[in-house]
Amino acid sequence: MTLKEKIALACFCIAYLVTTPLDYKPDVSAQTLLVETLMTMVDLATIGAGLTLITVSIMQKVSGVKMPWHRVARFYLTFGILVNIYYYSAEIMK
């Protein structure tokens, strides 16, 4: 894994955390906000993990070569960012 790939992976991790929606409700405590945000992250992470699993398994089947972990992580973070943005935009439209 080159330095460029490490930097790209770190940027993906930061973007994933930035796009994670906060479940803010005006009349709740900070502890409840943290719990609700973590629950949302777990819910959305399962969708990203499922999309990653399907995509990586298809790509490995087609190419016949096992993908390195950092590429799998990049796929997961990409799907996670897209799912977070979709979830956040759906929450705004309510």
Protein backbone atom coordinates (compact mmCIF):
# COMPACT_ATOMS: atom_id res chain seq x y z
CA MET A 1 0.00 0.00 0.00
CA THR A 2 1.57 3.25 -1.16
CA LEU A 3 1.53 6.58 0.64
CA LYS A 4 -0.98 7.91 -1.89
CA GLU A 5 -3.36 5.02 -1.12
CA LYS A 6 -2.96 5.58 2.64
CA ILE A 7 -3.81 9.26 2.27
CA ALA A 8 -6.81 8.46 0.07
CA LEU A 9 -8.07 5.92 2.62
CA ALA A 10 -7.67 8.44 5.45
CA CYS A 11 -9.61 11.03 3.43
CA PHE A 12 -12.38 8.49 2.82
CA CYS A 13 -12.53 7.78 6.58
CA ILE A 14 -12.82 11.48 7.39
CA ALA A 15 -15.49 11.99 4.72
CA TYR A 16 -17.43 9.01 6.10
CA LEU A 17 -17.43 10.47 9.60
CA VAL A 18 -18.34 13.94 8.33
CA THR A 19 -21.33 12.64 6.37
CA THR A 20 -22.66 10.61 9.31
CA PRO A 21 -25.97 12.24 10.20
CA LEU A 22 -26.55 13.47 13.73
CA ASP A 23 -30.01 12.64 15.04
CA TYR A 24 -30.57 16.02 16.63
CA LYS A 25 -33.81 16.60 18.50
CA PRO A 26 -34.25 19.92 20.31
CA ASP A 27 -35.42 18.68 23.71
CA VAL A 28 -33.07 15.76 24.38
CA SER A 29 -29.83 15.47 26.30
CA ALA A 30 -26.38 15.10 24.77
CA GLN A 31 -26.20 11.48 25.91
CA THR A 32 -29.39 10.66 24.01
CA LEU A 33 -27.99 12.46 20.96
CA LEU A 34 -24.87 10.29 21.11
CA VAL A 35 -26.89 7.08 21.49
CA GLU A 36 -29.26 7.96 18.64
CA THR A 37 -26.34 8.90 16.39
CA LEU A 38 -24.55 5.62 17.14
CA MET A 39 -27.74 3.67 16.45
CA THR A 40 -28.11 5.46 13.12
CA MET A 41 -24.47 4.69 12.28
CA VAL A 42 -25.03 0.99 13.02
CA ASP A 43 -28.21 0.91 10.94
CA LEU A 44 -26.57 2.60 7.97
CA ALA A 45 -23.34 0.62 8.31
CA THR A 46 -25.22 -2.63 7.67
CA ILE A 47 -26.50 -1.29 4.35
CA GLY A 48 -23.01 -0.19 3.31
CA ALA A 49 -21.55 -3.54 4.41
CA GLY A 50 -24.15 -5.45 2.42
CA LEU A 51 -23.51 -3.42 -0.72
CA THR A 52 -19.77 -3.88 -0.24
CA LEU A 53 -20.12 -7.63 0.24
CA ILE A 54 -22.18 -8.01 -2.92
CA THR A 55 -19.92 -5.78 -5.02
CA VAL A 56 -16.63 -7.29 -3.82
CA SER A 57 -17.85 -10.87 -4.20
CA ILE A 58 -18.99 -10.18 -7.78
CA MET A 59 -15.70 -8.45 -8.64
CA GLN A 60 -13.66 -11.29 -7.13
CA LYS A 61 -15.73 -13.88 -8.98
CA VAL A 62 -15.28 -12.08 -12.31
CA SER A 63 -11.56 -11.37 -11.92
CA GLY A 64 -10.66 -14.55 -10.04
CA VAL A 65 -8.32 -12.61 -7.73
CA LYS A 66 -8.86 -11.73 -4.08
CA MET A 67 -9.04 -7.98 -3.49
CA PRO A 68 -6.68 -6.36 -0.95
CA TRP A 69 -8.26 -5.15 2.28
CA HIS A 70 -7.67 -1.46 1.57
CA ARG A 71 -9.66 -1.65 -1.66
CA VAL A 72 -12.48 -3.43 0.14
CA ALA A 73 -12.38 -0.70 2.81
CA ARG A 74 -12.49 1.96 0.10
CA PHE A 75 -15.59 0.32 -1.40
CA TYR A 76 -17.22 0.18 2.05
CA LEU A 77 -16.46 3.82 2.77
CA THR A 78 -17.73 4.90 -0.66
CA PHE A 79 -21.00 3.04 -0.20
CA GLY A 80 -21.23 4.33 3.37
CA ILE A 81 -20.83 7.94 2.25
CA LEU A 82 -23.49 7.50 -0.43
CA VAL A 83 -25.92 5.85 2.00
CA ASN A 84 -25.30 8.58 4.60
CA ILE A 85 -25.94 11.34 2.05
CA TYR A 86 -29.11 9.60 0.87
CA TYR A 87 -30.33 9.15 4.46
CA TYR A 88 -29.55 12.74 5.34
CA SER A 89 -31.31 14.12 2.25
CA ALA A 90 -34.36 11.93 2.99
CA GLU A 91 -34.45 13.29 6.57
CA ILE A 92 -34.36 16.88 5.31
CA MET A 93 -37.21 16.25 2.87
CA LYS A 94 -39.56 15.04 5.63
